[in-house]
Amino acid sequence: MKPRSFLALFVPLILFSALSSAAFAEAKAYDLIQYAGKVGGIAIAFDYADGYIQASEVRVTEGGKTTRFRLDDSGEMHFVPEKRAGSDNKLILKLGIDDAPPAKIEGSYISGGKMTAFVMVRK
């Protein structure tokens, strides 16, 4: 096989492969909107999965330690720690489950019986 005929066969094969994989790519089911806020040495980051709220996640960094929070089963925007069973820590957002993503979100972080109000802004 001559180099030129090999190239004539190879290039269309590569183009077909690239185009067919792009055509069958799965559409994303939700948009991820990121928020961040800080209050009194506590940093709060919220990944809001608009369109699939169960994929939303909150991360709280306090004293150099980060804790991940997941949505609880209340039907509200209440988040509990992923791994610390029995912990009284929780995070409550003033946002409805079906609300469109706002520019800022207010909430409360409860840890050790102490409630701290905070505001996060969209990144």
Foldseek 3Di string as FASTA:
>chain_A
DDPVVVVVVPVVVVVVVVVVVVVPDDDDQFDWWWKWWDDDQKIKIWTQTQRDRQPIWMWIAHPNDIFIWGADPPQFRKTDTPPDPPFPWIKHWPAHPNDDDDQKIWIWTAHPNDIDIIMIGTD
